[in-house]
Each structure stands twice: as structure tokens, then as C-alpha cells.
């Protein structure tokens, strides 16, 4: 991954975290990493634990940010979430998967898709 692309990703994650906090969600963890991969943001909304995938784009090439999430990525995120819940002994929580798409083309647009998959 190029340095420019990594910086864009970090910027998008910062924007997404701020956006979610303004909506009243509490950020539990950012960039959770384990042997299976990484979860961008883990947040709480009452009794619900939310695993958030952040996608950021700076060009119109290849569609919208949220369109870049493949079926393989969804499967990976579900496995990561299961691993996280077992490691933290959090089996009884309601869980949901959200996507926050940050489109930095011209005016910045944030799209929050709750229960994305």
C-alpha cells in the first residue's frame, strides 16, 4: 500500500470515527488487529456492538467507496467479529455490521449504512 493511500485511509477512519461519535455511538476500539486481519472501528450503541468497515475514496474511478466491499471481505469481517467476541468473552451482545463510506471527491460525502450485511 502506498503512503498516499494509507494516509487517505487514516483520514477516512478519523472522519468516520468523529461522525459516529456525533451520532451518539461510543468508540470502543479502532484498528483492532489479530491473526485474521483488522477491523477498522468497533463501537457501542446501547447494548449493541457495531463492527464498522470504513471505505474512503478520493476519485470517481471504480465507483463508490461502499461498492468496493466484496463477498470475501464480508466473510472475513464476520470471522474477525466472531474471533473478537470470543477473545473478549462478549457472546451475549447484539451485533451489527455497518459501513461508513467517505467520498473525498469534490465536497466530502459521508454515507453510513447500518446493518450493511
PDB file of N, CA and C in Angstrom:
ATOM      1  N   UNK A   1       0.845  -1.169   0.000  1.00  0.00           N
ATOM      2  CA  UNK A   1       0.000   0.000   0.000  1.00  0.00           C
ATOM      3  C   UNK A   1       0.899   1.244   0.000  1.00  0.00           C
ATOM      4  N   UNK A   2       0.567   2.188  -0.855  1.00  0.00           N
ATOM      5  CA  UNK A   2       1.375   3.395  -0.935  1.00  0.00           C
ATOM      6  C   UNK A   2       1.119   4.288   0.279  1.00  0.00           C
ATOM      7  N   UNK A   3       2.062   5.142   0.548  1.00  0.00           N
ATOM      8  CA  UNK A   3       1.937   6.075   1.675  1.00  0.00           C
ATOM      9  C   UNK A   3       0.725   6.985   1.477  1.00  0.00           C
ATOM     10  N   UNK A   4       0.504   7.441   0.255  1.00  0.00           N
ATOM     11  CA  UNK A   4      -0.633   8.324  -0.037  1.00  0.00           C
ATOM     12  C   UNK A   4      -1.956   7.603   0.235  1.00  0.00           C
ATOM     13  N   UNK A   5      -2.039   6.354  -0.173  1.00  0.00           N
ATOM     14  CA  UNK A   5      -3.259   5.578   0.042  1.00  0.00           C
ATOM     15  C   UNK A   5      -3.482   5.318   1.524  1.00  0.00           C
ATOM     16  N   UNK A   6      -2.412   5.017   2.260  1.00  0.00           N
ATOM     17  CA  UNK A   6      -2.514   4.793   3.709  1.00  0.00           C
ATOM     18  C   UNK A   6      -2.987   6.058   4.419  1.00  0.00           C
ATOM     19  N   UNK A   7      -2.451   7.209   4.018  1.00  0.00           N
ATOM     20  CA  UNK A   7      -2.872   8.481   4.622  1.00  0.00           C
ATOM     21  C   UNK A   7      -4.349   8.755   4.358  1.00  0.00           C
ATOM     22  N   UNK A   8      -4.810   8.451   3.140  1.00  0.00           N
ATOM     23  CA  UNK A   8      -6.218   8.622   2.813  1.00  0.00           C
ATOM     24  C   UNK A   8      -7.073   7.719   3.700  1.00  0.00           C
ATOM     25  N   UNK A   9      -6.649   6.473   3.898  1.00  0.00           N
ATOM     26  CA  UNK A   9      -7.375   5.544   4.756  1.00  0.00           C
ATOM     27  C   UNK A   9      -7.459   6.024   6.195  1.00  0.00           C
ATOM     28  N   UNK A  10      -6.352   6.528   6.720  1.00  0.00           N
ATOM     29  CA  UNK A  10      -6.330   7.051   8.091  1.00  0.00           C
ATOM     30  C   UNK A  10      -7.252   8.253   8.209  1.00  0.00           C
ATOM     31  N   UNK A  11      -7.198   9.131   7.214  1.00  0.00           N
ATOM     32  CA  UNK A  11      -8.075  10.313   7.218  1.00  0.00           C
ATOM     33  C   UNK A  11      -9.541   9.880   7.221  1.00  0.00           C
ATOM     34  N   UNK A  12      -9.879   8.919   6.377  1.00  0.00           N
ATOM     35  CA  UNK A  12     -11.250   8.422   6.317  1.00  0.00           C
ATOM     36  C   UNK A  12     -11.696   7.801   7.629  1.00  0.00           C
ATOM     37  N   UNK A  13     -10.815   7.038   8.257  1.00  0.00           N
ATOM     38  CA  UNK A  13     -11.153   6.427   9.548  1.00  0.00           C
ATOM     39  C   UNK A  13     -11.360   7.485  10.625  1.00  0.00           C
ATOM     40  N   UNK A  14     -10.555   8.525  10.622  1.00  0.00           N
ATOM     41  CA  UNK A  14     -10.726   9.614  11.582  1.00  0.00           C
ATOM     42  C   UNK A  14     -12.059  10.327  11.365  1.00  0.00           C
ATOM     43  N   UNK A  15     -12.392  10.582  10.105  1.00  0.00           N
ATOM     44  CA  UNK A  15     -13.669  11.229   9.774  1.00  0.00           C
ATOM     45  C   UNK A  15     -14.829  10.345  10.206  1.00  0.00           C
ATOM     46  N   UNK A  16     -14.727   9.051   9.906  1.00  0.00           N
ATOM     47  CA  UNK A  16     -15.790   8.109  10.261  1.00  0.00           C
ATOM     48  C   UNK A  16     -15.977   8.021  11.776  1.00  0.00           C
ATOM     49  N   UNK A  17     -14.893   7.949  12.523  1.00  0.00           N
ATOM     50  CA  UNK A  17     -14.980   7.865  13.986  1.00  0.00           C
ATOM     51  C   UNK A  17     -15.644   9.113  14.553  1.00  0.00           C
ATOM     52  N   UNK A  18     -15.258  10.271  14.067  1.00  0.00           N
ATOM     53  CA  UNK A  18     -15.858  11.525  14.522  1.00  0.00           C
ATOM     54  C   UNK A  18     -17.350  11.561  14.188  1.00  0.00           C
ATOM     55  N   UNK A  19     -17.688  11.150  12.996  1.00  0.00           N
ATOM     56  CA  UNK A  19     -19.077  11.107  12.548  1.00  0.00           C
ATOM     57  C   UNK A  19     -19.910  10.195  13.456  1.00  0.00           C
ATOM     58  N   UNK A  20     -19.403   9.000  13.734  1.00  0.00           N
ATOM     59  CA  UNK A  20     -20.129   8.050  14.581  1.00  0.00           C
ATOM     60  C   UNK A  20     -20.301   8.586  16.000  1.00  0.00           C
ATOM     61  N   UNK A  21     -19.273   9.235  16.532  1.00  0.00           N
ATOM     62  CA  UNK A  21     -19.374   9.816  17.874  1.00  0.00           C
ATOM     63  C   UNK A  21     -20.436  10.911  17.906  1.00  0.00           C
ATOM     64  N   UNK A  22     -20.503  11.712  16.853  1.00  0.00           N
ATOM     65  CA  UNK A  22     -21.517  12.771  16.792  1.00  0.00           C
ATOM     66  C   UNK A  22     -22.920  12.184  16.723  1.00  0.00           C
ATOM     67  N   UNK A  23     -23.052  10.970  16.195  1.00  0.00           N
ATOM     68  CA  UNK A  23     -24.344  10.288  16.149  1.00  0.00           C
ATOM     69  C   UNK A  23     -24.675   9.613  17.477  1.00  0.00           C
ATOM     70  N   UNK A  24     -23.758   9.695  18.459  1.00  0.00           N
ATOM     71  CA  UNK A  24     -24.016   9.152  19.780  1.00  0.00           C
ATOM     72  C   UNK A  24     -23.426   7.780  20.048  1.00  0.00           C
ATOM     73  N   UNK A  25     -22.677   7.237  19.109  1.00  0.00           N
ATOM     74  CA  UNK A  25     -22.030   5.947  19.322  1.00  0.00           C
ATOM     75  C   UNK A  25     -20.753   6.153  20.125  1.00  0.00           C
ATOM     76  N   UNK A  26     -20.399   5.155  20.929  1.00  0.00           N
ATOM     77  CA  UNK A  26     -19.161   5.222  21.705  1.00  0.00           C
ATOM     78  C   UNK A  26     -18.138   4.316  21.022  1.00  0.00           C
ATOM     79  N   UNK A  27     -17.007   4.890  20.673  1.00  0.00           N
ATOM     80  CA  UNK A  27     -15.945   4.125  20.037  1.00  0.00           C
ATOM     81  C   UNK A  27     -15.269   3.270  21.105  1.00  0.00           C
ATOM     82  N   UNK A  28     -15.271   1.961  20.895  1.00  0.00           N
ATOM     83  CA  UNK A  28     -14.673   1.020  21.833  1.00  0.00           C
ATOM     84  C   UNK A  28     -13.219   0.763  21.444  1.00  0.00           C
ATOM     85  N   UNK A  29     -12.993   0.614  20.161  1.00  0.00           N
ATOM     86  CA  UNK A  29     -11.653   0.267  19.687  1.00  0.00           C
ATOM     87  C   UNK A  29     -11.524   0.675  18.222  1.00  0.00           C
ATOM     88  N   UNK A  30     -10.302   1.050  17.866  1.00  0.00           N
ATOM     89  CA  UNK A  30     -10.002   1.364  16.470  1.00  0.00           C
ATOM     90  C   UNK A  30      -8.841   0.491  16.009  1.00  0.00           C
ATOM     91  N   UNK A  31      -8.912   0.082  14.774  1.00  0.00           N
ATOM     92  CA  UNK A  31      -7.857  -0.726  14.155  1.00  0.00           C
ATOM     93  C   UNK A  31      -7.520  -1.961  14.987  1.00  0.00           C
ATOM     94  N   UNK A  32      -8.549  -2.704  15.364  1.00  0.00           N
ATOM     95  CA  UNK A  32      -8.341  -3.971  16.076  1.00  0.00           C
ATOM     96  C   UNK A  32      -7.667  -4.941  15.110  1.00  0.00           C
ATOM     97  N   UNK A  33      -6.526  -5.470  15.535  1.00  0.00           N
ATOM     98  CA  UNK A  33      -5.779  -6.406  14.694  1.00  0.00           C
ATOM     99  C   UNK A  33      -5.581  -7.723  15.418  1.00  0.00           C
ATOM    100  N   UNK A  34      -5.697  -8.787  14.642  1.00  0.00           N
ATOM    101  CA  UNK A  34      -5.390 -10.125  15.136  1.00  0.00           C
ATOM    102  C   UNK A  34      -4.845 -10.918  13.956  1.00  0.00           C
ATOM    103  N   UNK A  35      -4.615 -12.196  14.175  1.00  0.00           N
ATOM    104  CA  UNK A  35      -4.025 -13.012  13.113  1.00  0.00           C
ATOM    105  C   UNK A  35      -4.937 -13.150  11.902  1.00  0.00           C
ATOM    106  N   UNK A  36      -6.233 -12.856  12.065  1.00  0.00           N
ATOM    107  CA  UNK A  36      -7.194 -12.981  10.962  1.00  0.00           C
ATOM    108  C   UNK A  36      -7.308 -11.725  10.110  1.00  0.00           C
ATOM    109  N   UNK A  37      -6.876 -10.586  10.657  1.00  0.00           N
ATOM    110  CA  UNK A  37      -6.988  -9.341   9.901  1.00  0.00           C
ATOM    111  C   UNK A  37      -7.247  -8.150  10.808  1.00  0.00           C
ATOM    112  N   UNK A  38      -7.992  -7.179  10.285  1.00  0.00           N
ATOM    113  CA  UNK A  38      -8.218  -5.928  11.005  1.00  0.00           C
ATOM    114  C   UNK A  38      -9.668  -5.475  10.873  1.00  0.00           C
ATOM    115  N   UNK A  39     -10.182  -4.929  11.969  1.00  0.00           N
ATOM    116  CA  UNK A  39     -11.492  -4.270  11.970  1.00  0.00           C
ATOM    117  C   UNK A  39     -11.215  -2.789  12.188  1.00  0.00           C
ATOM    118  N   UNK A  40     -11.767  -1.949  11.323  1.00  0.00           N
ATOM    119  CA  UNK A  40     -11.466  -0.520  11.372  1.00  0.00           C
ATOM    120  C   UNK A  40     -11.950   0.136  12.666  1.00  0.00           C
ATOM    121  N   UNK A  41     -13.237  -0.025  12.970  1.00  0.00           N
ATOM    122  CA  UNK A  41     -13.810   0.610  14.157  1.00  0.00           C
ATOM    123  C   UNK A  41     -14.780  -0.367  14.821  1.00  0.00           C
ATOM    124  N   UNK A  42     -14.713  -0.425  16.132  1.00  0.00           N
ATOM    125  CA  UNK A  42     -15.697  -1.172  16.915  1.00  0.00           C
ATOM    126  C   UNK A  42     -16.346  -0.148  17.841  1.00  0.00           C
ATOM    127  N   UNK A  43     -17.677  -0.077  17.795  1.00  0.00           N
ATOM    128  CA  UNK A  43     -18.400   0.939  18.560  1.00  0.00           C
ATOM    129  C   UNK A  43     -19.550   0.296  19.326  1.00  0.00           C
ATOM    130  N   UNK A  44     -20.082   1.044  20.283  1.00  0.00           N
ATOM    131  CA  UNK A  44     -21.253   0.597  21.056  1.00  0.00           C
ATOM    132  C   UNK A  44     -22.370   1.604  20.851  1.00  0.00           C
ATOM    133  N   UNK A  45     -23.563   1.069  20.748  1.00  0.00           N
ATOM    134  CA  UNK A  45     -24.772   1.881  20.731  1.00  0.00           C
ATOM    135  C   UNK A  45     -25.740   1.183  21.671  1.00  0.00           C
ATOM    136  N   UNK A  46     -25.730   1.593  22.918  1.00  0.00           N
ATOM    137  CA  UNK A  46     -26.515   0.907  23.934  1.00  0.00           C
ATOM    138  C   UNK A  46     -25.994  -0.503  24.113  1.00  0.00           C
ATOM    139  N   UNK A  47     -26.867  -1.491  23.957  1.00  0.00           N
ATOM    140  CA  UNK A  47     -26.476  -2.886  24.112  1.00  0.00           C
ATOM    141  C   UNK A  47     -26.012  -3.538  22.825  1.00  0.00           C
ATOM    142  N   UNK A  48     -25.774  -2.754  21.806  1.00  0.00           N
ATOM    143  CA  UNK A  48     -25.364  -3.291  20.509  1.00  0.00           C
ATOM    144  C   UNK A  48     -23.892  -2.973  20.247  1.00  0.00           C
ATOM    145  N   UNK A  49     -23.155  -4.003  19.850  1.00  0.00           N
ATOM    146  CA  UNK A  49     -21.759  -3.835  19.460  1.00  0.00           C
ATOM    147  C   UNK A  49     -21.731  -3.750  17.937  1.00  0.00           C
ATOM    148  N   UNK A  50     -21.074  -2.731  17.423  1.00  0.00           N
ATOM    149  CA  UNK A  50     -21.094  -2.460  15.985  1.00  0.00           C
ATOM    150  C   UNK A  50     -19.682  -2.571  15.425  1.00  0.00           C
ATOM    151  N   UNK A  51     -19.532  -3.435  14.431  1.00  0.00           N
ATOM    152  CA  UNK A  51     -18.277  -3.586  13.710  1.00  0.00           C
ATOM    153  C   UNK A  51     -18.396  -2.754  12.439  1.00  0.00           C
ATOM    154  N   UNK A  52     -17.486  -1.798  12.295  1.00  0.00           N
ATOM    155  CA  UNK A  52     -17.599  -0.825  11.211  1.00  0.00           C
ATOM    156  C   UNK A  52     -16.444  -0.976  10.229  1.00  0.00           C
ATOM    157  N   UNK A  53     -16.799  -1.143   8.965  1.00  0.00           N
ATOM    158  CA  UNK A  53     -15.827  -1.133   7.874  1.00  0.00           C
ATOM    159  C   UNK A  53     -15.864   0.262   7.263  1.00  0.00           C
ATOM    160  N   UNK A  54     -14.702   0.901   7.173  1.00  0.00           N
ATOM    161  CA  UNK A  54     -14.604   2.242   6.607  1.00  0.00           C
ATOM    162  C   UNK A  54     -13.966   2.131   5.227  1.00  0.00           C
ATOM    163  N   UNK A  55     -14.595   2.762   4.258  1.00  0.00           N
ATOM    164  CA  UNK A  55     -14.048   2.807   2.907  1.00  0.00           C
ATOM    165  C   UNK A  55     -13.947   4.263   2.488  1.00  0.00           C
ATOM    166  N   UNK A  56     -12.779   4.646   1.990  1.00  0.00           N
ATOM    167  CA  UNK A  56     -12.522   6.031   1.607  1.00  0.00           C
ATOM    168  C   UNK A  56     -11.999   6.069   0.181  1.00  0.00           C
ATOM    169  N   UNK A  57     -12.524   6.999  -0.598  1.00  0.00           N
ATOM    170  CA  UNK A  57     -12.051   7.170  -1.974  1.00  0.00           C
ATOM    171  C   UNK A  57     -11.814   8.643  -2.249  1.00  0.00           C
ATOM    172  N   UNK A  58     -10.844   8.908  -3.114  1.00  0.00           N
ATOM    173  CA  UNK A  58     -10.556  10.286  -3.491  1.00  0.00           C
ATOM    174  C   UNK A  58     -10.779  10.526  -4.983  1.00  0.00           C
ATOM    175  N   UNK A  59     -11.227   9.499  -5.706  1.00  0.00           N
ATOM    176  CA  UNK A  59     -11.524   9.641  -7.130  1.00  0.00           C
ATOM    177  C   UNK A  59     -12.847   8.963  -7.447  1.00  0.00           C
ATOM    178  N   UNK A  60     -13.389   9.251  -8.608  1.00  0.00           N
ATOM    179  CA  UNK A  60     -14.626   8.611  -9.056  1.00  0.00           C
ATOM    180  C   UNK A  60     -14.353   7.263  -9.724  1.00  0.00           C
ATOM    181  N   UNK A  61     -13.094   6.941  -9.940  1.00  0.00           N
ATOM    182  CA  UNK A  61     -12.721   5.711 -10.610  1.00  0.00           C
ATOM    183  C   UNK A  61     -13.224   4.500  -9.833  1.00  0.00           C
ATOM    184  N   UNK A  62     -13.808   3.555 -10.522  1.00  0.00           N
ATOM    185  CA  UNK A  62     -14.269   2.287  -9.970  1.00  0.00           C
ATOM    186  C   UNK A  62     -15.442   2.418  -8.994  1.00  0.00           C
ATOM    187  N   UNK A  63     -16.244   3.453  -9.092  1.00  0.00           N
ATOM    188  CA  UNK A  63     -17.478   3.538  -8.325  1.00  0.00           C
ATOM    189  C   UNK A  63     -17.360   4.152  -6.945  1.00  0.00           C
ATOM    190  N   UNK A  64     -18.396   3.941  -6.178  1.00  0.00           N
ATOM    191  CA  UNK A  64     -18.487   4.494  -4.822  1.00  0.00           C
ATOM    192  C   UNK A  64     -17.657   3.671  -3.846  1.00  0.00           C
ATOM    193  N   UNK A  65     -17.243   4.277  -2.736  1.00  0.00           N
ATOM    194  CA  UNK A  65     -16.419   3.539  -1.766  1.00  0.00           C
ATOM    195  C   UNK A  65     -17.074   2.254  -1.271  1.00  0.00           C
ATOM    196  N   UNK A  66     -18.361   2.326  -0.951  1.00  0.00           N
ATOM    197  CA  UNK A  66     -19.043   1.155  -0.398  1.00  0.00           C
ATOM    198  C   UNK A  66     -19.180   0.016  -1.408  1.00  0.00           C
ATOM    199  N   UNK A  67     -19.064   0.322  -2.685  1.00  0.00           N
ATOM    200  CA  UNK A  67     -19.163  -0.710  -3.711  1.00  0.00           C
ATOM    201  C   UNK A  67     -17.918  -1.585  -3.795  1.00  0.00           C
ATOM    202  N   UNK A  68     -16.876  -1.194  -3.088  1.00  0.00           N
ATOM    203  CA  UNK A  68     -15.625  -1.961  -3.132  1.00  0.00           C
ATOM    204  C   UNK A  68     -15.592  -3.108  -2.120  1.00  0.00           C
ATOM    205  N   UNK A  69     -16.660  -3.283  -1.354  1.00  0.00           N
ATOM    206  CA  UNK A  69     -16.701  -4.362  -0.358  1.00  0.00           C
ATOM    207  C   UNK A  69     -17.194  -5.642  -1.042  1.00  0.00           C
ATOM    208  N   UNK A  70     -16.328  -6.614  -1.097  1.00  0.00           N
ATOM    209  CA  UNK A  70     -16.628  -7.875  -1.775  1.00  0.00           C
ATOM    210  C   UNK A  70     -17.252  -8.883  -0.809  1.00  0.00           C
ATOM    211  N   UNK A  71     -17.791  -9.947  -1.367  1.00  0.00           N
ATOM    212  CA  UNK A  71     -18.339 -11.035  -0.539  1.00  0.00           C
ATOM    213  C   UNK A  71     -17.244 -11.647   0.325  1.00  0.00           C
ATOM    214  N   UNK A  72     -16.029 -11.746  -0.222  1.00  0.00           N
ATOM    215  CA  UNK A  72     -14.905 -12.281   0.551  1.00  0.00           C
ATOM    216  C   UNK A  72     -14.591 -11.377   1.745  1.00  0.00           C
ATOM    217  N   UNK A  73     -14.674 -10.069   1.564  1.00  0.00           N
ATOM    218  CA  UNK A  73     -14.425  -9.128   2.656  1.00  0.00           C
ATOM    219  C   UNK A  73     -15.497  -9.279   3.742  1.00  0.00           C
ATOM    220  N   UNK A  74     -16.736  -9.461   3.329  1.00  0.00           N
ATOM    221  CA  UNK A  74     -17.832  -9.658   4.287  1.00  0.00           C
ATOM    222  C   UNK A  74     -17.576 -10.906   5.122  1.00  0.00           C
ATOM    223  N   UNK A  75     -17.210 -12.009   4.468  1.00  0.00           N
ATOM    224  CA  UNK A  75     -16.912 -13.252   5.208  1.00  0.00           C
ATOM    225  C   UNK A  75     -15.764 -13.037   6.186  1.00  0.00           C
ATOM    226  N   UNK A  76     -14.738 -12.331   5.747  1.00  0.00           N
ATOM    227  CA  UNK A  76     -13.580 -12.070   6.608  1.00  0.00           C
ATOM    228  C   UNK A  76     -13.984 -11.236   7.829  1.00  0.00           C
ATOM    229  N   UNK A  77     -14.792 -10.206   7.610  1.00  0.00           N
ATOM    230  CA  UNK A  77     -15.233  -9.357   8.722  1.00  0.00           C
ATOM    231  C   UNK A  77     -16.087 -10.139   9.717  1.00  0.00           C
ATOM    232  N   UNK A  78     -16.906 -11.039   9.225  1.00  0.00           N
ATOM    233  CA  UNK A  78     -17.725 -11.858  10.130  1.00  0.00           C
ATOM    234  C   UNK A  78     -16.845 -12.777  10.984  1.00  0.00           C
ATOM    235  N   UNK A  79     -15.826 -13.365  10.351  1.00  0.00           N
ATOM    236  CA  UNK A  79     -14.895 -14.220  11.111  1.00  0.00           C
ATOM    237  C   UNK A  79     -14.130 -13.387  12.143  1.00  0.00           C
ATOM    238  N   UNK A  80     -13.685 -12.209  11.746  1.00  0.00           N
ATOM    239  CA  UNK A  80     -12.981 -11.321  12.674  1.00  0.00           C
ATOM    240  C   UNK A  80     -13.869 -10.961  13.861  1.00  0.00           C
ATOM    241  N   UNK A  81     -15.123 -10.642  13.596  1.00  0.00           N
ATOM    242  CA  UNK A  81     -16.049 -10.280  14.671  1.00  0.00           C
ATOM    243  C   UNK A  81     -16.259 -11.448  15.626  1.00  0.00           C
ATOM    244  N   UNK A  82     -16.427 -12.642  15.091  1.00  0.00           N
ATOM    245  CA  UNK A  82     -16.584 -13.821  15.944  1.00  0.00           C
ATOM    246  C   UNK A  82     -15.353 -14.012  16.823  1.00  0.00           C
ATOM    247  N   UNK A  83     -14.183 -13.868  16.234  1.00  0.00           N
ATOM    248  CA  UNK A  83     -12.932 -14.009  16.973  1.00  0.00           C
ATOM    249  C   UNK A  83     -12.862 -12.960  18.085  1.00  0.00           C
ATOM    250  N   UNK A  84     -13.194 -11.717  17.761  1.00  0.00           N
ATOM    251  CA  UNK A  84     -13.177 -10.628  18.732  1.00  0.00           C
ATOM    252  C   UNK A  84     -14.110 -10.941  19.902  1.00  0.00           C
ATOM    253  N   UNK A  85     -15.327 -11.387  19.597  1.00  0.00           N
ATOM    254  CA  UNK A  85     -16.308 -11.674  20.639  1.00  0.00           C
ATOM    255  C   UNK A  85     -15.839 -12.794  21.561  1.00  0.00           C
ATOM    256  N   UNK A  86     -15.209 -13.815  21.009  1.00  0.00           N
ATOM    257  CA  UNK A  86     -14.690 -14.917  21.818  1.00  0.00           C
ATOM    258  C   UNK A  86     -13.527 -14.433  22.679  1.00  0.00           C
ATOM    259  N   UNK A  87     -12.612 -13.675  22.085  1.00  0.00           N
ATOM    260  CA  UNK A  87     -11.451 -13.182  22.827  1.00  0.00           C
ATOM    261  C   UNK A  87     -11.852 -12.254  23.978  1.00  0.00           C
ATOM    262  N   UNK A  88     -12.919 -11.499  23.796  1.00  0.00           N
ATOM    263  CA  UNK A  88     -13.362 -10.548  24.809  1.00  0.00           C
ATOM    264  C   UNK A  88     -14.487 -11.099  25.682  1.00  0.00           C
ATOM    265  N   UNK A  89     -14.854 -12.365  25.474  1.00  0.00           N
ATOM    266  CA  UNK A  89     -15.955 -13.005  26.221  1.00  0.00           C
ATOM    267  C   UNK A  89     -17.224 -12.172  26.161  1.00  0.00           C
ATOM    268  N   UNK A  90     -17.642 -11.813  24.956  1.00  0.00           N
ATOM    269  CA  UNK A  90     -18.811 -10.962  24.743  1.00  0.00           C
ATOM    270  C   UNK A  90     -19.886 -11.678  23.939  1.00  0.00           C
ATOM    271  N   UNK A  91     -20.195 -12.895  24.285  1.00  0.00           N
ATOM    272  CA  UNK A  91     -21.105 -13.692  23.490  1.00  0.00           C
ATOM    273  C   UNK A  91     -22.566 -13.276  23.517  1.00  0.00           C
ATOM    274  N   UNK A  92     -23.012 -12.521  24.504  1.00  0.00           N
ATOM    275  CA  UNK A  92     -24.440 -12.232  24.669  1.00  0.00           C
ATOM    276  C   UNK A  92     -24.871 -10.868  24.134  1.00  0.00           C
ATOM    277  N   UNK A  93     -24.038 -10.190  23.409  1.00  0.00           N
ATOM    278  CA  UNK A  93     -24.387  -8.873  22.886  1.00  0.00           C
ATOM    279  C   UNK A  93     -25.081  -8.975  21.538  1.00  0.00           C
ATOM    280  N   UNK A  94     -25.932  -8.002  21.254  1.00  0.00           N
ATOM    281  CA  UNK A  94     -26.433  -7.840  19.895  1.00  0.00           C
ATOM    282  C   UNK A  94     -25.298  -7.268  19.065  1.00  0.00           C
ATOM    283  N   UNK A  95     -25.173  -7.735  17.843  1.00  0.00           N
ATOM    284  CA  UNK A  95     -24.074  -7.316  16.979  1.00  0.00           C
ATOM    285  C   UNK A  95     -24.639  -6.847  15.654  1.00  0.00           C
ATOM    286  N   UNK A  96     -23.991  -5.841  15.085  1.00  0.00           N
ATOM    287  CA  UNK A  96     -24.360  -5.417  13.740  1.00  0.00           C
ATOM    288  C   UNK A  96     -23.108  -4.988  12.997  1.00  0.00           C
ATOM    289  N   UNK A  97     -23.205  -5.015  11.682  1.00  0.00           N
ATOM    290  CA  UNK A  97     -22.101  -4.630  10.810  1.00  0.00           C
ATOM    291  C   UNK A  97     -22.521  -3.410  10.002  1.00  0.00           C
ATOM    292  N   UNK A  98     -21.773  -2.329  10.163  1.00  0.00           N
ATOM    293  CA  UNK A  98     -22.042  -1.095   9.429  1.00  0.00           C
ATOM    294  C   UNK A  98     -20.906  -0.800   8.468  1.00  0.00           C
ATOM    295  N   UNK A  99     -21.213   0.027   7.497  1.00  0.00           N
ATOM    296  CA  UNK A  99     -20.200   0.558   6.585  1.00  0.00           C
ATOM    297  C   UNK A  99     -20.291   2.070   6.643  1.00  0.00           C
ATOM    298  N   UNK A 100     -19.146   2.723   6.761  1.00  0.00           N
ATOM    299  CA  UNK A 100     -19.088   4.168   6.621  1.00  0.00           C
ATOM    300  C   UNK A 100     -18.214   4.441   5.398  1.00  0.00           C
ATOM    301  N   UNK A 101     -18.845   5.036   4.392  1.00  0.00           N
ATOM    302  CA  UNK A 101     -18.142   5.366   3.149  1.00  0.00           C
ATOM    303  C   UNK A 101     -17.844   6.860   3.144  1.00  0.00           C
ATOM    304  N   UNK A 102     -16.572   7.189   2.959  1.00  0.00           N
ATOM    305  CA  UNK A 102     -16.143   8.581   2.920  1.00  0.00           C
ATOM    306  C   UNK A 102     -15.673   8.855   1.493  1.00  0.00           C
ATOM    307  N   UNK A 103     -16.400   9.730   0.823  1.00  0.00           N
ATOM    308  CA  UNK A 103     -16.095  10.071  -0.558  1.00  0.00           C
ATOM    309  C   UNK A 103     -15.491  11.468  -0.576  1.00  0.00           C
ATOM    310  N   UNK A 104     -14.192  11.539  -0.845  1.00  0.00           N
ATOM    311  CA  UNK A 104     -13.459  12.809  -0.794  1.00  0.00           C
ATOM    312  C   UNK A 104     -13.378  13.504  -2.146  1.00  0.00           C
ATOM    313  N   UNK A 105     -14.209  13.098  -3.113  1.00  0.00           N
ATOM    314  CA  UNK A 105     -14.239  13.742  -4.417  1.00  0.00           C
ATOM    315  C   UNK A 105     -15.038  15.025  -4.272  1.00  0.00           C
ATOM    316  N   UNK A 106     -14.456  16.160  -4.672  1.00  0.00           N
ATOM    317  CA  UNK A 106     -15.083  17.474  -4.539  1.00  0.00           C
ATOM    318  C   UNK A 106     -15.498  17.708  -3.098  1.00  0.00           C
ATOM    319  N   UNK A 107     -16.797  17.848  -2.827  1.00  0.00           N
ATOM    320  CA  UNK A 107     -17.266  18.016  -1.451  1.00  0.00           C
ATOM    321  C   UNK A 107     -17.261  16.653  -0.762  1.00  0.00           C
ATOM    322  N   UNK A 108     -16.803  16.613   0.458  1.00  0.00           N
ATOM    323  CA  UNK A 108     -16.753  15.349   1.182  1.00  0.00           C
ATOM    324  C   UNK A 108     -18.169  14.874   1.483  1.00  0.00           C
ATOM    325  N   UNK A 109     -18.426  13.602   1.169  1.00  0.00           N
ATOM    326  CA  UNK A 109     -19.717  12.997   1.456  1.00  0.00           C
ATOM    327  C   UNK A 109     -19.494  11.777   2.340  1.00  0.00           C
ATOM    328  N   UNK A 110     -20.314  11.666   3.383  1.00  0.00           N
ATOM    329  CA  UNK A 110     -20.247  10.515   4.282  1.00  0.00           C
ATOM    330  C   UNK A 110     -21.561   9.754   4.158  1.00  0.00           C
ATOM    331  N   UNK A 111     -21.444   8.465   3.892  1.00  0.00           N
ATOM    332  CA  UNK A 111     -22.612   7.604   3.808  1.00  0.00           C
ATOM    333  C   UNK A 111     -22.475   6.533   4.880  1.00  0.00           C
ATOM    334  N   UNK A 112     -23.450   6.479   5.772  1.00  0.00           N
ATOM    335  CA  UNK A 112     -23.434   5.486   6.852  1.00  0.00           C
ATOM    336  C   UNK A 112     -24.519   4.458   6.539  1.00  0.00           C
ATOM    337  N   UNK A 113     -24.101   3.222   6.326  1.00  0.00           N
ATOM    338  CA  UNK A 113     -25.035   2.146   6.029  1.00  0.00           C
ATOM    339  C   UNK A 113     -25.098   1.234   7.258  1.00  0.00           C
ATOM    340  N   UNK A 114     -26.192   1.307   7.990  1.00  0.00           N
ATOM    341  CA  UNK A 114     -26.384   0.456   9.156  1.00  0.00           C
ATOM    342  C   UNK A 114     -26.862  -0.914   8.701  1.00  0.00           C
ATOM    343  N   UNK A 115     -26.439  -1.953   9.437  1.00  0.00           N
ATOM    344  CA  UNK A 115     -26.804  -3.335   9.078  1.00  0.00           C
ATOM    345  C   UNK A 115     -26.490  -3.622   7.614  1.00  0.00           C
ATOM    346  N   UNK A 116     -25.283  -3.264   7.214  1.00  0.00           N
ATOM    347  CA  UNK A 116     -24.891  -3.373   5.803  1.00  0.00           C
ATOM    348  C   UNK A 116     -24.864  -4.825   5.328  1.00  0.00           C
ATOM    349  N   UNK A 117     -24.540  -5.749   6.221  1.00  0.00           N
ATOM    350  CA  UNK A 117     -24.511  -7.168   5.857  1.00  0.00           C
ATOM    351  C   UNK A 117     -24.642  -8.027   7.097  1.00  0.00           C
TER     352      UNK A 117
END
